[in-house]
Amino acid sequence: MSKQTKIRLKDYLRLKAYSAMHGVTMTEALSRAMKRLGVRKLESKEKLEFDTCGECDKAIPKDAAFCPYCGAEFEEDEDEEEEEEDESE
């Protein structure tokens, strides 16, 4: 049984162009893109916290930058931005 990954059309077209340019399969292109973005599988011990998308009301990971269902992008909370600034000082 294969797993499906849903992406936006513009991201699909970018992956398709990358795939053709570098002579790799779409699966390899997607894998490389995910590695470059730091996406990783969750360990079985890790628990994923969920939130609800404001656009489509589906459950999404709490730290998601965009909704995997409707593509709505989310902004970082101001509290998180302040924490990141404090850590870098």
PDB file of N, CA and C in Angstrom:
ATOM      1  N   MET A   1       0.845  -1.178   0.000  1.00  0.00           N
ATOM      2  CA  MET A   1       0.000   0.000   0.000  1.00  0.00           C
ATOM      3  C   MET A   1       0.890   1.241   0.000  1.00  0.00           C
ATOM      4  N   SER A   2       0.626   2.141  -0.915  1.00  0.00           N
ATOM      5  CA  SER A   2       1.443   3.354  -1.003  1.00  0.00           C
ATOM      6  C   SER A   2       0.810   4.484  -0.204  1.00  0.00           C
ATOM      7  N   LYS A   3       1.646   5.427   0.179  1.00  0.00           N
ATOM      8  CA  LYS A   3       1.160   6.596   0.905  1.00  0.00           C
ATOM      9  C   LYS A   3       1.031   7.745  -0.065  1.00  0.00           C
ATOM     10  N   GLN A   4       0.076   8.628   0.185  1.00  0.00           N
ATOM     11  CA  GLN A   4      -0.140   9.768  -0.682  1.00  0.00           C
ATOM     12  C   GLN A   4       0.323  11.041   0.016  1.00  0.00           C
ATOM     13  N   THR A   5       0.840  11.955  -0.763  1.00  0.00           N
ATOM     14  CA  THR A   5       1.214  13.261  -0.272  1.00  0.00           C
ATOM     15  C   THR A   5       0.463  14.278  -1.117  1.00  0.00           C
ATOM     16  N   LYS A   6      -0.264  15.178  -0.456  1.00  0.00           N
ATOM     17  CA  LYS A   6      -0.997  16.202  -1.194  1.00  0.00           C
ATOM     18  C   LYS A   6      -0.208  17.498  -1.154  1.00  0.00           C
ATOM     19  N   ILE A   7      -0.038  18.096  -2.334  1.00  0.00           N
ATOM     20  CA  ILE A   7       0.661  19.369  -2.426  1.00  0.00           C
ATOM     21  C   ILE A   7      -0.113  20.294  -3.359  1.00  0.00           C
ATOM     22  N   ARG A   8       0.184  21.564  -3.282  1.00  0.00           N
ATOM     23  CA  ARG A   8      -0.482  22.541  -4.147  1.00  0.00           C
ATOM     24  C   ARG A   8       0.006  22.375  -5.580  1.00  0.00           C
ATOM     25  N   LEU A   9      -0.808  22.822  -6.525  1.00  0.00           N
ATOM     26  CA  LEU A   9      -0.488  22.694  -7.942  1.00  0.00           C
ATOM     27  C   LEU A   9       0.828  23.379  -8.284  1.00  0.00           C
ATOM     28  N   LYS A  10       1.049  24.589  -7.764  1.00  0.00           N
ATOM     29  CA  LYS A  10       2.286  25.290  -8.118  1.00  0.00           C
ATOM     30  C   LYS A  10       3.512  24.543  -7.580  1.00  0.00           C
ATOM     31  N   ASP A  11       3.391  23.898  -6.408  1.00  0.00           N
ATOM     32  CA  ASP A  11       4.497  23.108  -5.876  1.00  0.00           C
ATOM     33  C   ASP A  11       4.710  21.850  -6.710  1.00  0.00           C
ATOM     34  N   TYR A  12       3.614  21.237  -7.170  1.00  0.00           N
ATOM     35  CA  TYR A  12       3.705  20.067  -8.036  1.00  0.00           C
ATOM     36  C   TYR A  12       4.439  20.422  -9.331  1.00  0.00           C
ATOM     37  N   LEU A  13       4.090  21.555  -9.925  1.00  0.00           N
ATOM     38  CA  LEU A  13       4.723  21.963 -11.176  1.00  0.00           C
ATOM     39  C   LEU A  13       6.214  22.254 -10.974  1.00  0.00           C
ATOM     40  N   ARG A  14       6.576  22.828  -9.838  1.00  0.00           N
ATOM     41  CA  ARG A  14       7.979  23.078  -9.535  1.00  0.00           C
ATOM     42  C   ARG A  14       8.738  21.758  -9.373  1.00  0.00           C
ATOM     43  N   LEU A  15       8.115  20.790  -8.679  1.00  0.00           N
ATOM     44  CA  LEU A  15       8.745  19.481  -8.515  1.00  0.00           C
ATOM     45  C   LEU A  15       8.890  18.764  -9.852  1.00  0.00           C
ATOM     46  N   LYS A  16       7.874  18.893 -10.696  1.00  0.00           N
ATOM     47  CA  LYS A  16       7.906  18.254 -12.006  1.00  0.00           C
ATOM     48  C   LYS A  16       9.042  18.830 -12.848  1.00  0.00           C
ATOM     49  N   ALA A  17       9.215  20.152 -12.810  1.00  0.00           N
ATOM     50  CA  ALA A  17      10.301  20.795 -13.552  1.00  0.00           C
ATOM     51  C   ALA A  17      11.658  20.356 -13.000  1.00  0.00           C
ATOM     52  N   TYR A  18      11.779  20.302 -11.674  1.00  0.00           N
ATOM     53  CA  TYR A  18      13.020  19.858 -11.038  1.00  0.00           C
ATOM     54  C   TYR A  18      13.326  18.417 -11.445  1.00  0.00           C
ATOM     55  N   SER A  19      12.289  17.587 -11.430  1.00  0.00           N
ATOM     56  CA  SER A  19      12.439  16.181 -11.788  1.00  0.00           C
ATOM     57  C   SER A  19      12.968  16.030 -13.211  1.00  0.00           C
ATOM     58  N   ALA A  20      12.394  16.789 -14.139  1.00  0.00           N
ATOM     59  CA  ALA A  20      12.813  16.713 -15.534  1.00  0.00           C
ATOM     60  C   ALA A  20      14.229  17.266 -15.719  1.00  0.00           C
ATOM     61  N   MET A  21      14.534  18.357 -15.033  1.00  0.00           N
ATOM     62  CA  MET A  21      15.842  19.004 -15.186  1.00  0.00           C
ATOM     63  C   MET A  21      16.978  18.127 -14.664  1.00  0.00           C
ATOM     64  N   HIS A  22      16.722  17.410 -13.557  1.00  0.00           N
ATOM     65  CA  HIS A  22      17.771  16.615 -12.921  1.00  0.00           C
ATOM     66  C   HIS A  22      17.693  15.125 -13.258  1.00  0.00           C
ATOM     67  N   GLY A  23      16.679  14.746 -14.038  1.00  0.00           N
ATOM     68  CA  GLY A  23      16.560  13.359 -14.462  1.00  0.00           C
ATOM     69  C   GLY A  23      16.264  12.385 -13.328  1.00  0.00           C
ATOM     70  N   VAL A  24      15.448  12.826 -12.365  1.00  0.00           N
ATOM     71  CA  VAL A  24      15.063  11.963 -11.243  1.00  0.00           C
ATOM     72  C   VAL A  24      13.550  11.782 -11.249  1.00  0.00           C
ATOM     73  N   THR A  25      13.080  10.771 -10.529  1.00  0.00           N
ATOM     74  CA  THR A  25      11.642  10.540 -10.436  1.00  0.00           C
ATOM     75  C   THR A  25      10.997  11.612  -9.564  1.00  0.00           C
ATOM     76  N   MET A  26       9.692  11.746  -9.664  1.00  0.00           N
ATOM     77  CA  MET A  26       8.961  12.704  -8.822  1.00  0.00           C
ATOM     78  C   MET A  26       9.132  12.353  -7.344  1.00  0.00           C
ATOM     79  N   THR A  27       9.169  11.062  -7.043  1.00  0.00           N
ATOM     80  CA  THR A  27       9.347  10.630  -5.660  1.00  0.00           C
ATOM     81  C   THR A  27      10.689  11.107  -5.119  1.00  0.00           C
ATOM     82  N   GLU A  28      11.732  10.969  -5.923  1.00  0.00           N
ATOM     83  CA  GLU A  28      13.061  11.420  -5.507  1.00  0.00           C
ATOM     84  C   GLU A  28      13.099  12.937  -5.371  1.00  0.00           C
ATOM     85  N   ALA A  29      12.455  13.646  -6.293  1.00  0.00           N
ATOM     86  CA  ALA A  29      12.409  15.111  -6.217  1.00  0.00           C
ATOM     87  C   ALA A  29      11.702  15.561  -4.949  1.00  0.00           C
ATOM     88  N   LEU A  30      10.589  14.918  -4.615  1.00  0.00           N
ATOM     89  CA  LEU A  30       9.849  15.256  -3.406  1.00  0.00           C
ATOM     90  C   LEU A  30      10.673  14.924  -2.165  1.00  0.00           C
ATOM     91  N   SER A  31      11.343  13.789  -2.182  1.00  0.00           N
ATOM     92  CA  SER A  31      12.186  13.397  -1.057  1.00  0.00           C
ATOM     93  C   SER A  31      13.299  14.412  -0.825  1.00  0.00           C
ATOM     94  N   ARG A  32      13.947  14.851  -1.908  1.00  0.00           N
ATOM     95  CA  ARG A  32      15.014  15.851  -1.782  1.00  0.00           C
ATOM     96  C   ARG A  32      14.476  17.170  -1.238  1.00  0.00           C
ATOM     97  N   ALA A  33      13.300  17.582  -1.719  1.00  0.00           N
ATOM     98  CA  ALA A  33      12.708  18.837  -1.248  1.00  0.00           C
ATOM     99  C   ALA A  33      12.379  18.753   0.243  1.00  0.00           C
ATOM    100  N   MET A  34      11.851  17.617   0.668  1.00  0.00           N
ATOM    101  CA  MET A  34      11.494  17.451   2.083  1.00  0.00           C
ATOM    102  C   MET A  34      12.742  17.447   2.952  1.00  0.00           C
ATOM    103  N   LYS A  35      13.820  16.830   2.486  1.00  0.00           N
ATOM    104  CA  LYS A  35      15.073  16.840   3.239  1.00  0.00           C
ATOM    105  C   LYS A  35      15.611  18.257   3.354  1.00  0.00           C
ATOM    106  N   ARG A  36      15.544  19.004   2.239  1.00  0.00           N
ATOM    107  CA  ARG A  36      16.032  20.376   2.237  1.00  0.00           C
ATOM    108  C   ARG A  36      15.238  21.247   3.210  1.00  0.00           C
ATOM    109  N   LEU A  37      13.960  20.964   3.360  1.00  0.00           N
ATOM    110  CA  LEU A  37      13.106  21.734   4.267  1.00  0.00           C
ATOM    111  C   LEU A  37      13.167  21.222   5.703  1.00  0.00           C
ATOM    112  N   GLY A  38      13.876  20.133   5.928  1.00  0.00           N
ATOM    113  CA  GLY A  38      14.004  19.601   7.280  1.00  0.00           C
ATOM    114  C   GLY A  38      12.797  18.801   7.741  1.00  0.00           C
ATOM    115  N   VAL A  39      12.001  18.311   6.806  1.00  0.00           N
ATOM    116  CA  VAL A  39      10.840  17.494   7.150  1.00  0.00           C
ATOM    117  C   VAL A  39      11.335  16.107   7.517  1.00  0.00           C
ATOM    118  N   ARG A  40      10.815  15.548   8.584  1.00  0.00           N
ATOM    119  CA  ARG A  40      11.235  14.214   8.998  1.00  0.00           C
ATOM    120  C   ARG A  40      10.035  13.438   9.508  1.00  0.00           C
ATOM    121  N   LYS A  41      10.189  12.126   9.559  1.00  0.00           N
ATOM    122  CA  LYS A  41       9.133  11.285  10.108  1.00  0.00           C
ATOM    123  C   LYS A  41       9.129  11.432  11.614  1.00  0.00           C
ATOM    124  N   LEU A  42       7.953  11.329  12.199  1.00  0.00           N
ATOM    125  CA  LEU A  42       7.854  11.372  13.653  1.00  0.00           C
ATOM    126  C   LEU A  42       8.259  10.034  14.229  1.00  0.00           C
ATOM    127  N   GLU A  43       8.996  10.075  15.288  1.00  0.00           N
ATOM    128  CA  GLU A  43       9.326   8.849  15.997  1.00  0.00           C
ATOM    129  C   GLU A  43       8.040   8.338  16.657  1.00  0.00           C
ATOM    130  N   SER A  44       7.954   7.051  16.874  1.00  0.00           N
ATOM    131  CA  SER A  44       6.735   6.482  17.439  1.00  0.00           C
ATOM    132  C   SER A  44       6.447   7.026  18.834  1.00  0.00           C
ATOM    133  N   LYS A  45       7.470   7.486  19.540  1.00  0.00           N
ATOM    134  CA  LYS A  45       7.273   8.003  20.891  1.00  0.00           C
ATOM    135  C   LYS A  45       6.752   9.443  20.898  1.00  0.00           C
ATOM    136  N   GLU A  46       6.978  10.163  19.795  1.00  0.00           N
ATOM    137  CA  GLU A  46       6.571  11.560  19.735  1.00  0.00           C
ATOM    138  C   GLU A  46       5.062  11.664  19.531  1.00  0.00           C
ATOM    139  N   LYS A  47       4.494  12.629  20.205  1.00  0.00           N
ATOM    140  CA  LYS A  47       3.067  12.890  20.034  1.00  0.00           C
ATOM    141  C   LYS A  47       2.919  14.175  19.244  1.00  0.00           C
ATOM    142  N   LEU A  48       2.035  14.180  18.296  1.00  0.00           N
ATOM    143  CA  LEU A  48       1.799  15.343  17.475  1.00  0.00           C
ATOM    144  C   LEU A  48       0.577  16.080  18.016  1.00  0.00           C
ATOM    145  N   GLU A  49       0.751  17.355  18.334  1.00  0.00           N
ATOM    146  CA  GLU A  49      -0.370  18.158  18.816  1.00  0.00           C
ATOM    147  C   GLU A  49      -1.097  18.733  17.610  1.00  0.00           C
ATOM    148  N   PHE A  50      -2.420  18.764  17.688  1.00  0.00           N
ATOM    149  CA  PHE A  50      -3.213  19.235  16.564  1.00  0.00           C
ATOM    150  C   PHE A  50      -3.944  20.523  16.896  1.00  0.00           C
ATOM    151  N   ASP A  51      -4.203  21.290  15.850  1.00  0.00           N
ATOM    152  CA  ASP A  51      -4.979  22.509  15.909  1.00  0.00           C
ATOM    153  C   ASP A  51      -6.021  22.390  14.803  1.00  0.00           C
ATOM    154  N   THR A  52      -6.843  23.397  14.607  1.00  0.00           N
ATOM    155  CA  THR A  52      -7.839  23.369  13.552  1.00  0.00           C
ATOM    156  C   THR A  52      -7.565  24.488  12.567  1.00  0.00           C
ATOM    157  N   CYS A  53      -7.626  24.190  11.280  1.00  0.00           N
ATOM    158  CA  CYS A  53      -7.429  25.198  10.253  1.00  0.00           C
ATOM    159  C   CYS A  53      -8.587  26.179  10.297  1.00  0.00           C
ATOM    160  N   GLY A  54      -8.281  27.460  10.232  1.00  0.00           N
ATOM    161  CA  GLY A  54      -9.311  28.493  10.254  1.00  0.00           C
ATOM    162  C   GLY A  54     -10.111  28.568   8.964  1.00  0.00           C
ATOM    163  N   GLU A  55      -9.574  28.017   7.884  1.00  0.00           N
ATOM    164  CA  GLU A  55     -10.254  28.070   6.595  1.00  0.00           C
ATOM    165  C   GLU A  55     -11.173  26.867   6.358  1.00  0.00           C
ATOM    166  N   CYS A  56     -10.631  25.651   6.544  1.00  0.00           N
ATOM    167  CA  CYS A  56     -11.403  24.440   6.207  1.00  0.00           C
ATOM    168  C   CYS A  56     -11.829  23.633   7.432  1.00  0.00           C
ATOM    169  N   ASP A  57     -11.423  24.052   8.635  1.00  0.00           N
ATOM    170  CA  ASP A  57     -11.795  23.403   9.901  1.00  0.00           C
ATOM    171  C   ASP A  57     -11.318  21.956  10.029  1.00  0.00           C
ATOM    172  N   LYS A  58     -10.264  21.584   9.332  1.00  0.00           N
ATOM    173  CA  LYS A  58      -9.710  20.229   9.466  1.00  0.00           C
ATOM    174  C   LYS A  58      -8.579  20.241  10.479  1.00  0.00           C
ATOM    175  N   ALA A  59      -8.324  19.093  11.087  1.00  0.00           N
ATOM    176  CA  ALA A  59      -7.250  18.972  12.074  1.00  0.00           C
ATOM    177  C   ALA A  59      -5.903  19.017  11.363  1.00  0.00           C
ATOM    178  N   ILE A  60      -5.016  19.874  11.869  1.00  0.00           N
ATOM    179  CA  ILE A  60      -3.685  20.031  11.297  1.00  0.00           C
ATOM    180  C   ILE A  60      -2.663  20.063  12.423  1.00  0.00           C
ATOM    181  N   PRO A  61      -1.396  19.739  12.150  1.00  0.00           N
ATOM    182  CA  PRO A  61      -0.365  19.825  13.185  1.00  0.00           C
ATOM    183  C   PRO A  61      -0.256  21.258  13.714  1.00  0.00           C
ATOM    184  N   LYS A  62      -0.044  21.391  15.014  1.00  0.00           N
ATOM    185  CA  LYS A  62      -0.012  22.702  15.653  1.00  0.00           C
ATOM    186  C   LYS A  62       1.062  23.616  15.094  1.00  0.00           C
ATOM    187  N   ASP A  63       2.196  23.087  14.707  1.00  0.00           N
ATOM    188  CA  ASP A  63       3.290  23.921  14.220  1.00  0.00           C
ATOM    189  C   ASP A  63       3.333  24.041  12.696  1.00  0.00           C
ATOM    190  N   ALA A  64       2.222  23.718  12.025  1.00  0.00           N
ATOM    191  CA  ALA A  64       2.182  23.754  10.567  1.00  0.00           C
ATOM    192  C   ALA A  64       2.294  25.183  10.048  1.00  0.00           C
ATOM    193  N   ALA A  65       3.037  25.350   8.946  1.00  0.00           N
ATOM    194  CA  ALA A  65       3.165  26.658   8.312  1.00  0.00           C
ATOM    195  C   ALA A  65       2.015  26.890   7.332  1.00  0.00           C
ATOM    196  N   PHE A  66       1.407  25.791   6.859  1.00  0.00           N
ATOM    197  CA  PHE A  66       0.259  25.894   5.972  1.00  0.00           C
ATOM    198  C   PHE A  66      -0.621  24.660   6.150  1.00  0.00           C
ATOM    199  N   CYS A  67      -1.872  24.768   5.731  1.00  0.00           N
ATOM    200  CA  CYS A  67      -2.815  23.649   5.849  1.00  0.00           C
ATOM    201  C   CYS A  67      -2.566  22.667   4.715  1.00  0.00           C
ATOM    202  N   PRO A  68      -2.344  21.388   5.024  1.00  0.00           N
ATOM    203  CA  PRO A  68      -2.107  20.410   3.967  1.00  0.00           C
ATOM    204  C   PRO A  68      -3.365  20.089   3.158  1.00  0.00           C
ATOM    205  N   TYR A  69      -4.526  20.539   3.625  1.00  0.00           N
ATOM    206  CA  TYR A  69      -5.782  20.251   2.928  1.00  0.00           C
ATOM    207  C   TYR A  69      -6.184  21.366   1.968  1.00  0.00           C
ATOM    208  N   CYS A  70      -6.213  22.609   2.472  1.00  0.00           N
ATOM    209  CA  CYS A  70      -6.680  23.719   1.635  1.00  0.00           C
ATOM    210  C   CYS A  70      -5.552  24.658   1.208  1.00  0.00           C
ATOM    211  N   GLY A  71      -4.355  24.516   1.803  1.00  0.00           N
ATOM    212  CA  GLY A  71      -3.213  25.337   1.405  1.00  0.00           C
ATOM    213  C   GLY A  71      -3.129  26.686   2.095  1.00  0.00           C
ATOM    214  N   ALA A  72      -4.036  26.969   3.032  1.00  0.00           N
ATOM    215  CA  ALA A  72      -4.000  28.255   3.750  1.00  0.00           C
ATOM    216  C   ALA A  72      -2.687  28.374   4.505  1.00  0.00           C
ATOM    217  N   GLU A  73      -2.044  29.545   4.396  1.00  0.00           N
ATOM    218  CA  GLU A  73      -0.778  29.768   5.092  1.00  0.00           C
ATOM    219  C   GLU A  73      -1.045  30.418   6.443  1.00  0.00           C
ATOM    220  N   PHE A  74      -0.220  30.065   7.424  1.00  0.00           N
ATOM    221  CA  PHE A  74      -0.377  30.592   8.770  1.00  0.00           C
ATOM    222  C   PHE A  74       0.829  31.435   9.134  1.00  0.00           C
ATOM    223  N   GLU A  75       0.590  32.479   9.898  1.00  0.00           N
ATOM    224  CA  GLU A  75       1.681  33.316  10.383  1.00  0.00           C
ATOM    225  C   GLU A  75       2.112  32.808  11.744  1.00  0.00           C
ATOM    226  N   GLU A  76       3.396  33.037  12.072  1.00  0.00           N
ATOM    227  CA  GLU A  76       3.890  32.644  13.390  1.00  0.00           C
ATOM    228  C   GLU A  76       3.262  33.534  14.450  1.00  0.00           C
ATOM    229  N   ASP A  77       2.999  32.960  15.608  1.00  0.00           N
ATOM    230  CA  ASP A  77       2.499  33.757  16.717  1.00  0.00           C
ATOM    231  C   ASP A  77       3.577  34.717  17.167  1.00  0.00           C
ATOM    232  N   GLU A  78       3.176  35.881  17.681  1.00  0.00           N
ATOM    233  CA  GLU A  78       4.148  36.859  18.156  1.00  0.00           C
ATOM    234  C   GLU A  78       4.962  36.305  19.311  1.00  0.00           C
ATOM    235  N   ASP A  79       4.349  35.489  20.171  1.00  0.00           N
ATOM    236  CA  ASP A  79       5.062  34.894  21.301  1.00  0.00           C
ATOM    237  C   ASP A  79       6.198  34.004  20.816  1.00  0.00           C
ATOM    238  N   GLU A  80       5.957  33.206  19.770  1.00  0.00           N
ATOM    239  CA  GLU A  80       6.972  32.324  19.228  1.00  0.00           C
ATOM    240  C   GLU A  80       8.109  33.133  18.619  1.00  0.00           C
ATOM    241  N   GLU A  81       7.765  34.244  17.921  1.00  0.00           N
ATOM    242  CA  GLU A  81       8.792  35.086  17.320  1.00  0.00           C
ATOM    243  C   GLU A  81       9.681  35.696  18.396  1.00  0.00           C
ATOM    244  N   GLU A  82       9.074  36.129  19.505  1.00  0.00           N
ATOM    245  CA  GLU A  82       9.846  36.718  20.596  1.00  0.00           C
ATOM    246  C   GLU A  82      10.774  35.684  21.222  1.00  0.00           C
ATOM    247  N   GLU A  83      10.295  34.433  21.381  1.00  0.00           N
ATOM    248  CA  GLU A  83      11.120  33.377  21.942  1.00  0.00           C
ATOM    249  C   GLU A  83      12.326  33.105  21.053  1.00  0.00           C
ATOM    250  N   GLU A  84      12.120  33.095  19.732  1.00  0.00           N
ATOM    251  CA  GLU A  84      13.210  32.857  18.798  1.00  0.00           C
ATOM    252  C   GLU A  84      14.245  33.981  18.878  1.00  0.00           C
ATOM    253  N   GLU A  85      13.773  35.228  19.016  1.00  0.00           N
ATOM    254  CA  GLU A  85      14.689  36.354  19.136  1.00  0.00           C
ATOM    255  C   GLU A  85      15.504  36.252  20.423  1.00  0.00           C
ATOM    256  N   ASP A  86      14.850  35.870  21.524  1.00  0.00           N
ATOM    257  CA  ASP A  86      15.527  35.737  22.810  1.00  0.00           C
ATOM    258  C   ASP A  86      16.609  34.656  22.756  1.00  0.00           C
ATOM    259  N   GLU A  87      16.310  33.553  22.064  1.00  0.00           N
ATOM    260  CA  GLU A  87      17.256  32.442  21.965  1.00  0.00           C
ATOM    261  C   GLU A  87      18.485  32.828  21.142  1.00  0.00           C
ATOM    262  N   SER A  88      18.312  33.693  20.144  1.00  0.00           N
ATOM    263  CA  SER A  88      19.423  34.054  19.289  1.00  0.00           C
ATOM    264  C   SER A  88      20.361  35.073  19.939  1.00  0.00           C
ATOM    265  N   GLU A  89      19.932  35.731  20.998  1.00  0.00           N
ATOM    266  CA  GLU A  89      20.778  36.729  21.666  1.00  0.00           C
ATOM    267  C   GLU A  89      21.791  36.130  22.572  1.00  0.00           C
TER     268      GLU A  89
END
